[in-house]
Amino acid sequence: MNTGKQVSRRRIGRIMKQEGLVSNYTTAQFKPQKDICNESKTQNILGRQFHGQGYRDVVISDLTYVRVGACWNYICVLVDLYNREIIGYSAGEDKTAELVKAAFQSVEGSLEDIRLFHTDRGNEFKNQTIEELLEIFHIKRSLSHKGGPYDNAVAEATFKIIKTEFVWNETFADLRELKLKLWDYIHWYNHHRIHSSLGYQTPVQYRQNNLKKVV
């Protein structure tokens, strides 16, 4: 309703902020936490050899952001290159090494089965906690080249799928709801979503059909 009053945009903005209102034309913008490049001398042992890897020979990882309520939270996944199965995952408010550690803690089976852990040079992967975990379970380390996004292409592709099928189609009121829905999605991803790279089988089907001994 037009009352004939003239009000500045700044005043309108202040009032809307006080009342917790957001314009329908406003899109929430993600402001990423500033990353510090991991300058470790660790080499890219994987060398983009994404195919033909054995069961849990190589596990790759990455993190991405998710809108939760009025804030940004993060999810981390661990993907087995053998069958593209998400074997570990976590969700939290901060993009830290603790989130990566939590993903490892969710893995079923022994972490000693993992031979190589490959990621990009995000600083969340450079932490004494992560280094100690990898040392305890005798897991070798591999890092993408600096500024080389294709060195972790499978992780990038996995998150593209997750964003398209899960993140952009859901709303999350709080972290608890995100964790519940993430569990449900990953169960579907592993047990029901077919992959062309696996001969149109699900990750779990491929593992069960091709391993003589299912772990």
C-alpha atoms as a PDB file:
ATOM      1  CA  MET A   1       0.000   0.000   0.000  1.00  0.00           C
ATOM      2  CA  ASN A   2       1.444   3.367  -0.999  1.00  0.00           C
ATOM      3  CA  THR A   3       0.990   5.975   1.804  1.00  0.00           C
ATOM      4  CA  GLY A   4       2.896   8.696  -0.029  1.00  0.00           C
ATOM      5  CA  LYS A   5       5.797   8.672   2.413  1.00  0.00           C
ATOM      6  CA  GLN A   6       9.360   8.798   1.163  1.00  0.00           C
ATOM      7  CA  VAL A   7      11.875   6.648   3.054  1.00  0.00           C
ATOM      8  CA  SER A   8      15.516   6.067   2.227  1.00  0.00           C
ATOM      9  CA  ARG A   9      16.761   2.609   1.291  1.00  0.00           C
ATOM     10  CA  ARG A  10      19.195   2.658   4.200  1.00  0.00           C
ATOM     11  CA  ARG A  11      16.372   3.201   6.696  1.00  0.00           C
ATOM     12  CA  ILE A  12      14.343   0.426   5.107  1.00  0.00           C
ATOM     13  CA  GLY A  13      17.409  -1.808   5.309  1.00  0.00           C
ATOM     14  CA  ARG A  14      17.905  -1.038   9.002  1.00  0.00           C
ATOM     15  CA  ILE A  15      14.265  -1.742   9.805  1.00  0.00           C
ATOM     16  CA  MET A  16      14.283  -5.022   7.847  1.00  0.00           C
ATOM     17  CA  LYS A  17      17.473  -6.104   9.613  1.00  0.00           C
ATOM     18  CA  GLN A  18      15.950  -5.336  13.022  1.00  0.00           C
ATOM     19  CA  GLU A  19      12.849  -7.362  12.143  1.00  0.00           C
ATOM     20  CA  GLY A  20      14.819 -10.222  10.606  1.00  0.00           C
ATOM     21  CA  LEU A  21      13.310  -9.672   7.163  1.00  0.00           C
ATOM     22  CA  VAL A  22      14.993 -10.478   3.849  1.00  0.00           C
ATOM     23  CA  SER A  23      13.928  -9.263   0.417  1.00  0.00           C
ATOM     24  CA  ASN A  24      12.579 -11.879  -1.998  1.00  0.00           C
ATOM     25  CA  TYR A  25      15.105 -10.561  -4.477  1.00  0.00           C
ATOM     26  CA  THR A  26      18.012 -11.193  -2.136  1.00  0.00           C
ATOM     27  CA  THR A  27      20.051 -14.356  -2.630  1.00  0.00           C
ATOM     28  CA  ALA A  28      22.207 -15.549   0.241  1.00  0.00           C
ATOM     29  CA  GLN A  29      25.812 -15.116  -0.745  1.00  0.00           C
ATOM     30  CA  PHE A  30      28.488 -17.472   0.485  1.00  0.00           C
ATOM     31  CA  LYS A  31      31.480 -15.721   2.019  1.00  0.00           C
ATOM     32  CA  PRO A  32      34.153 -18.416   2.197  1.00  0.00           C
ATOM     33  CA  GLN A  33      36.536 -18.713   5.068  1.00  0.00           C
ATOM     34  CA  LYS A  34      39.889 -17.476   3.856  1.00  0.00           C
ATOM     35  CA  ASP A  35      42.021 -20.483   2.950  1.00  0.00           C
ATOM     36  CA  ILE A  36      45.740 -20.619   3.492  1.00  0.00           C
ATOM     37  CA  CYS A  37      47.409 -22.880   0.968  1.00  0.00           C
ATOM     38  CA  ASN A  38      49.050 -25.967   2.405  1.00  0.00           C
ATOM     39  CA  GLU A  39      52.694 -25.477   1.443  1.00  0.00           C
ATOM     40  CA  SER A  40      53.710 -28.988   2.473  1.00  0.00           C
ATOM     41  CA  LYS A  41      56.405 -30.646   0.358  1.00  0.00           C
ATOM     42  CA  THR A  42      54.255 -33.793   0.112  1.00  0.00           C
ATOM     43  CA  GLN A  43      54.126 -34.952  -3.514  1.00  0.00           C
ATOM     44  CA  ASN A  44      51.162 -35.827  -5.710  1.00  0.00           C
ATOM     45  CA  ILE A  45      51.652 -39.578  -5.431  1.00  0.00           C
ATOM     46  CA  LEU A  46      48.241 -40.326  -6.952  1.00  0.00           C
ATOM     47  CA  GLY A  47      49.119 -38.476 -10.158  1.00  0.00           C
ATOM     48  CA  ARG A  48      45.516 -38.453 -11.456  1.00  0.00           C
ATOM     49  CA  GLN A  49      45.382 -42.269 -11.498  1.00  0.00           C
ATOM     50  CA  PHE A  50      41.684 -42.311 -10.668  1.00  0.00           C
ATOM     51  CA  HIS A  51      40.857 -45.659 -12.287  1.00  0.00           C
ATOM     52  CA  GLY A  52      42.013 -49.216 -11.662  1.00  0.00           C
ATOM     53  CA  GLN A  53      42.645 -48.739  -7.955  1.00  0.00           C
ATOM     54  CA  GLY A  54      42.061 -51.611  -5.542  1.00  0.00           C
ATOM     55  CA  TYR A  55      39.600 -51.704  -2.685  1.00  0.00           C
ATOM     56  CA  ARG A  56      40.457 -48.869  -0.264  1.00  0.00           C
ATOM     57  CA  ASP A  57      43.861 -48.473  -1.889  1.00  0.00           C
ATOM     58  CA  VAL A  58      43.147 -44.777  -2.403  1.00  0.00           C
ATOM     59  CA  VAL A  59      40.695 -42.609  -0.497  1.00  0.00           C
ATOM     60  CA  ILE A  60      40.131 -39.022  -1.604  1.00  0.00           C
ATOM     61  CA  SER A  61      38.460 -36.201   0.267  1.00  0.00           C
ATOM     62  CA  ASP A  62      37.201 -32.633   0.097  1.00  0.00           C
ATOM     63  CA  LEU A  63      34.873 -30.240   1.913  1.00  0.00           C
ATOM     64  CA  THR A  64      32.043 -28.006   0.741  1.00  0.00           C
ATOM     65  CA  TYR A  65      29.668 -25.467   2.268  1.00  0.00           C
ATOM     66  CA  VAL A  66      25.956 -25.904   2.992  1.00  0.00           C
ATOM     67  CA  ARG A  67      23.367 -23.300   3.962  1.00  0.00           C
ATOM     68  CA  VAL A  68      21.963 -24.146   7.417  1.00  0.00           C
ATOM     69  CA  GLY A  69      19.395 -21.724   8.771  1.00  0.00           C
ATOM     70  CA  ALA A  70      21.001 -18.303   8.491  1.00  0.00           C
ATOM     71  CA  CYS A  71      24.559 -19.644   8.573  1.00  0.00           C
ATOM     72  CA  TRP A  72      26.994 -21.640   6.478  1.00  0.00           C
ATOM     73  CA  ASN A  73      28.063 -25.090   7.647  1.00  0.00           C
ATOM     74  CA  TYR A  74      30.372 -27.622   6.002  1.00  0.00           C
ATOM     75  CA  ILE A  75      30.369 -31.269   5.034  1.00  0.00           C
ATOM     76  CA  CYS A  76      33.341 -33.539   4.440  1.00  0.00           C
ATOM     77  CA  VAL A  77      33.292 -36.857   2.570  1.00  0.00           C
ATOM     78  CA  LEU A  78      35.811 -39.661   2.066  1.00  0.00           C
ATOM     79  CA  VAL A  79      35.486 -41.474  -1.273  1.00  0.00           C
ATOM     80  CA  ASP A  80      37.034 -44.841  -2.146  1.00  0.00           C
ATOM     81  CA  LEU A  81      38.361 -44.674  -5.716  1.00  0.00           C
ATOM     82  CA  TYR A  82      37.776 -48.395  -6.103  1.00  0.00           C
ATOM     83  CA  ASN A  83      34.013 -48.059  -6.401  1.00  0.00           C
ATOM     84  CA  ARG A  84      33.268 -44.355  -5.748  1.00  0.00           C
ATOM     85  CA  GLU A  85      31.644 -45.309  -2.464  1.00  0.00           C
ATOM     86  CA  ILE A  86      31.389 -42.635   0.219  1.00  0.00           C
ATOM     87  CA  ILE A  87      32.939 -44.546   3.119  1.00  0.00           C
ATOM     88  CA  GLY A  88      33.102 -41.673   5.593  1.00  0.00           C
ATOM     89  CA  TYR A  89      31.423 -38.320   6.102  1.00  0.00           C
ATOM     90  CA  SER A  90      30.847 -35.560   8.625  1.00  0.00           C
ATOM     91  CA  ALA A  91      29.092 -32.210   9.004  1.00  0.00           C
ATOM     92  CA  GLY A  92      29.927 -29.259  11.202  1.00  0.00           C
ATOM     93  CA  GLU A  93      29.921 -25.521  11.675  1.00  0.00           C
ATOM     94  CA  ASP A  94      33.592 -24.988  10.858  1.00  0.00           C
ATOM     95  CA  LYS A  95      35.941 -25.937   8.036  1.00  0.00           C
ATOM     96  CA  THR A  96      38.639 -27.535  10.160  1.00  0.00           C
ATOM     97  CA  ALA A  97      40.776 -30.626  10.575  1.00  0.00           C
ATOM     98  CA  GLU A  98      38.338 -31.820  13.261  1.00  0.00           C
ATOM     99  CA  LEU A  99      35.700 -32.176  10.555  1.00  0.00           C
ATOM    100  CA  VAL A 100      38.082 -34.354   8.530  1.00  0.00           C
ATOM    101  CA  LYS A 101      38.904 -36.427  11.614  1.00  0.00           C
ATOM    102  CA  ALA A 102      35.183 -36.939  12.275  1.00  0.00           C
ATOM    103  CA  ALA A 103      34.770 -38.264   8.717  1.00  0.00           C
ATOM    104  CA  PHE A 104      37.520 -40.826   9.348  1.00  0.00           C
ATOM    105  CA  GLN A 105      35.870 -41.824  12.617  1.00  0.00           C
ATOM    106  CA  SER A 106      32.668 -42.672  10.728  1.00  0.00           C
ATOM    107  CA  VAL A 107      34.395 -45.211   8.450  1.00  0.00           C
ATOM    108  CA  GLU A 108      33.290 -48.804   8.966  1.00  0.00           C
ATOM    109  CA  GLY A 109      36.094 -51.332   9.134  1.00  0.00           C
ATOM    110  CA  SER A 110      39.769 -50.805   9.856  1.00  0.00           C
ATOM    111  CA  LEU A 111      41.447 -47.613   8.700  1.00  0.00           C
ATOM    112  CA  GLU A 112      44.569 -49.725   8.170  1.00  0.00           C
ATOM    113  CA  ASP A 113      42.949 -50.971   4.948  1.00  0.00           C
ATOM    114  CA  ILE A 114      43.478 -47.511   3.443  1.00  0.00           C
ATOM    115  CA  ARG A 115      46.820 -47.255   1.634  1.00  0.00           C
ATOM    116  CA  LEU A 116      46.800 -43.653   0.366  1.00  0.00           C
ATOM    117  CA  PHE A 117      44.883 -40.504   1.346  1.00  0.00           C
ATOM    118  CA  HIS A 118      44.711 -37.826  -1.363  1.00  0.00           C
ATOM    119  CA  THR A 119      43.318 -34.288  -1.117  1.00  0.00           C
ATOM    120  CA  ASP A 120      43.854 -30.793  -2.433  1.00  0.00           C
ATOM    121  CA  ARG A 121      46.035 -28.324  -0.522  1.00  0.00           C
ATOM    122  CA  GLY A 122      43.307 -26.938   1.716  1.00  0.00           C
ATOM    123  CA  ASN A 123      44.819 -25.927   5.046  1.00  0.00           C
ATOM    124  CA  GLU A 124      42.235 -28.006   6.942  1.00  0.00           C
ATOM    125  CA  PHE A 125      44.142 -31.086   5.759  1.00  0.00           C
ATOM    126  CA  LYS A 126      47.423 -29.814   7.235  1.00  0.00           C
ATOM    127  CA  ASN A 127      47.111 -30.442  10.933  1.00  0.00           C
ATOM    128  CA  GLN A 128      48.959 -32.431  13.567  1.00  0.00           C
ATOM    129  CA  THR A 129      45.764 -34.310  14.422  1.00  0.00           C
ATOM    130  CA  ILE A 130      45.392 -35.535  10.825  1.00  0.00           C
ATOM    131  CA  GLU A 131      49.097 -36.340  10.526  1.00  0.00           C
ATOM    132  CA  GLU A 132      49.004 -38.400  13.723  1.00  0.00           C
ATOM    133  CA  LEU A 133      45.895 -40.266  12.572  1.00  0.00           C
ATOM    134  CA  LEU A 134      47.502 -41.167   9.248  1.00  0.00           C
ATOM    135  CA  GLU A 135      50.715 -42.234  10.986  1.00  0.00           C
ATOM    136  CA  ILE A 136      48.893 -44.464  13.467  1.00  0.00           C
ATOM    137  CA  PHE A 137      47.105 -46.340  10.680  1.00  0.00           C
ATOM    138  CA  HIS A 138      50.108 -46.315   8.301  1.00  0.00           C
ATOM    139  CA  ILE A 139      48.293 -44.329   5.625  1.00  0.00           C
ATOM    140  CA  LYS A 140      50.497 -42.574   3.064  1.00  0.00           C
ATOM    141  CA  ARG A 141      49.785 -38.984   2.052  1.00  0.00           C
ATOM    142  CA  SER A 142      49.254 -37.440  -1.382  1.00  0.00           C
ATOM    143  CA  LEU A 143      48.529 -33.789  -2.209  1.00  0.00           C
ATOM    144  CA  SER A 144      47.385 -32.125  -5.403  1.00  0.00           C
ATOM    145  CA  HIS A 145      49.802 -29.738  -7.058  1.00  0.00           C
ATOM    146  CA  LYS A 146      49.345 -26.118  -6.014  1.00  0.00           C
ATOM    147  CA  GLY A 147      46.681 -24.596  -8.250  1.00  0.00           C
ATOM    148  CA  GLY A 148      45.877 -27.968  -9.841  1.00  0.00           C
ATOM    149  CA  PRO A 149      42.104 -28.583  -9.456  1.00  0.00           C
ATOM    150  CA  TYR A 150      42.144 -31.549 -11.851  1.00  0.00           C
ATOM    151  CA  ASP A 151      44.434 -33.432  -9.458  1.00  0.00           C
ATOM    152  CA  ASN A 152      41.402 -34.045  -7.233  1.00  0.00           C
ATOM    153  CA  ALA A 153      38.841 -34.289 -10.028  1.00  0.00           C
ATOM    154  CA  VAL A 154      36.852 -37.212  -8.609  1.00  0.00           C
ATOM    155  CA  ALA A 155      36.252 -35.369  -5.335  1.00  0.00           C
ATOM    156  CA  GLU A 156      35.166 -32.292  -7.289  1.00  0.00           C
ATOM    157  CA  ALA A 157      32.798 -34.404  -9.405  1.00  0.00           C
ATOM    158  CA  THR A 158      31.376 -36.117  -6.313  1.00  0.00           C
ATOM    159  CA  PHE A 159      30.577 -32.802  -4.676  1.00  0.00           C
ATOM    160  CA  LYS A 160      28.961 -31.551  -7.866  1.00  0.00           C
ATOM    161  CA  ILE A 161      26.607 -34.529  -7.644  1.00  0.00           C
ATOM    162  CA  ILE A 162      25.989 -33.965  -3.938  1.00  0.00           C
ATOM    163  CA  LYS A 163      25.181 -30.288  -4.466  1.00  0.00           C
ATOM    164  CA  THR A 164      22.845 -30.990  -7.390  1.00  0.00           C
ATOM    165  CA  GLU A 165      20.989 -33.939  -5.856  1.00  0.00           C
ATOM    166  CA  PHE A 166      21.104 -33.061  -2.169  1.00  0.00           C
ATOM    167  CA  VAL A 167      22.216 -29.585  -1.087  1.00  0.00           C
ATOM    168  CA  TRP A 168      20.218 -27.535  -3.603  1.00  0.00           C
ATOM    169  CA  ASN A 169      17.040 -29.592  -3.129  1.00  0.00           C
ATOM    170  CA  GLU A 170      16.907 -29.499   0.667  1.00  0.00           C
ATOM    171  CA  THR A 171      16.568 -26.966   3.456  1.00  0.00           C
ATOM    172  CA  PHE A 172      18.232 -27.404   6.842  1.00  0.00           C
ATOM    173  CA  ALA A 173      16.959 -25.651   9.945  1.00  0.00           C
ATOM    174  CA  ASP A 174      19.957 -26.646  12.042  1.00  0.00           C
ATOM    175  CA  LEU A 175      23.043 -28.845  12.090  1.00  0.00           C
ATOM    176  CA  ARG A 176      21.121 -31.792  13.534  1.00  0.00           C
ATOM    177  CA  GLU A 177      18.747 -31.793  10.566  1.00  0.00           C
ATOM    178  CA  LEU A 178      21.679 -31.532   8.144  1.00  0.00           C
ATOM    179  CA  LYS A 179      23.359 -34.568   9.716  1.00  0.00           C
ATOM    180  CA  LEU A 180      20.155 -36.647   9.574  1.00  0.00           C
ATOM    181  CA  LYS A 181      19.455 -35.800   5.943  1.00  0.00           C
ATOM    182  CA  LEU A 182      23.102 -36.254   4.984  1.00  0.00           C
ATOM    183  CA  TRP A 183      23.085 -39.766   6.434  1.00  0.00           C
ATOM    184  CA  ASP A 184      19.941 -40.588   4.460  1.00  0.00           C
ATOM    185  CA  TYR A 185      21.381 -39.188   1.214  1.00  0.00           C
ATOM    186  CA  ILE A 186      24.704 -41.022   1.520  1.00  0.00           C
ATOM    187  CA  HIS A 187      22.893 -44.298   2.208  1.00  0.00           C
ATOM    188  CA  TRP A 188      20.906 -43.725  -0.994  1.00  0.00           C
ATOM    189  CA  TYR A 189      24.046 -42.676  -2.893  1.00  0.00           C
ATOM    190  CA  ASN A 190      25.922 -45.852  -1.937  1.00  0.00           C
ATOM    191  CA  HIS A 191      23.084 -48.367  -2.171  1.00  0.00           C
ATOM    192  CA  HIS A 192      20.724 -47.064  -4.860  1.00  0.00           C
ATOM    193  CA  ARG A 193      22.432 -44.530  -7.136  1.00  0.00           C
ATOM    194  CA  ILE A 194      23.929 -46.210 -10.222  1.00  0.00           C
ATOM    195  CA  HIS A 195      27.183 -44.940 -11.746  1.00  0.00           C
ATOM    196  CA  SER A 196      28.078 -45.235 -15.410  1.00  0.00           C
ATOM    197  CA  SER A 197      31.753 -45.644 -14.471  1.00  0.00           C
ATOM    198  CA  LEU A 198      30.779 -48.773 -12.517  1.00  0.00           C
ATOM    199  CA  GLY A 199      28.879 -50.378 -15.387  1.00  0.00           C
ATOM    200  CA  TYR A 200      25.615 -48.867 -14.140  1.00  0.00           C
ATOM    201  CA  GLN A 201      25.873 -50.520 -10.763  1.00  0.00           C
ATOM    202  CA  THR A 202      25.661 -48.872  -7.373  1.00  0.00           C
ATOM    203  CA  PRO A 203      28.902 -48.554  -5.372  1.00  0.00           C
ATOM    204  CA  VAL A 204      27.792 -51.263  -2.956  1.00  0.00           C
ATOM    205  CA  GLN A 205      26.696 -53.596  -5.776  1.00  0.00           C
ATOM    206  CA  TYR A 206      30.024 -53.136  -7.512  1.00  0.00           C
ATOM    207  CA  ARG A 207      31.935 -53.922  -4.325  1.00  0.00           C
ATOM    208  CA  GLN A 208      29.849 -56.988  -3.545  1.00  0.00           C
ATOM    209  CA  ASN A 209      30.037 -58.294  -7.110  1.00  0.00           C
ATOM    210  CA  ASN A 210      33.769 -57.819  -7.521  1.00  0.00           C
ATOM    211  CA  LEU A 211      35.342 -58.562  -4.152  1.00  0.00           C
ATOM    212  CA  LYS A 212      35.875 -62.193  -3.276  1.00  0.00           C
ATOM    213  CA  LYS A 213      35.702 -61.246   0.376  1.00  0.00           C
ATOM    214  CA  VAL A 214      33.378 -58.445   1.362  1.00  0.00           C
ATOM    215  CA  VAL A 215      34.782 -56.499   4.262  1.00  0.00           C
END
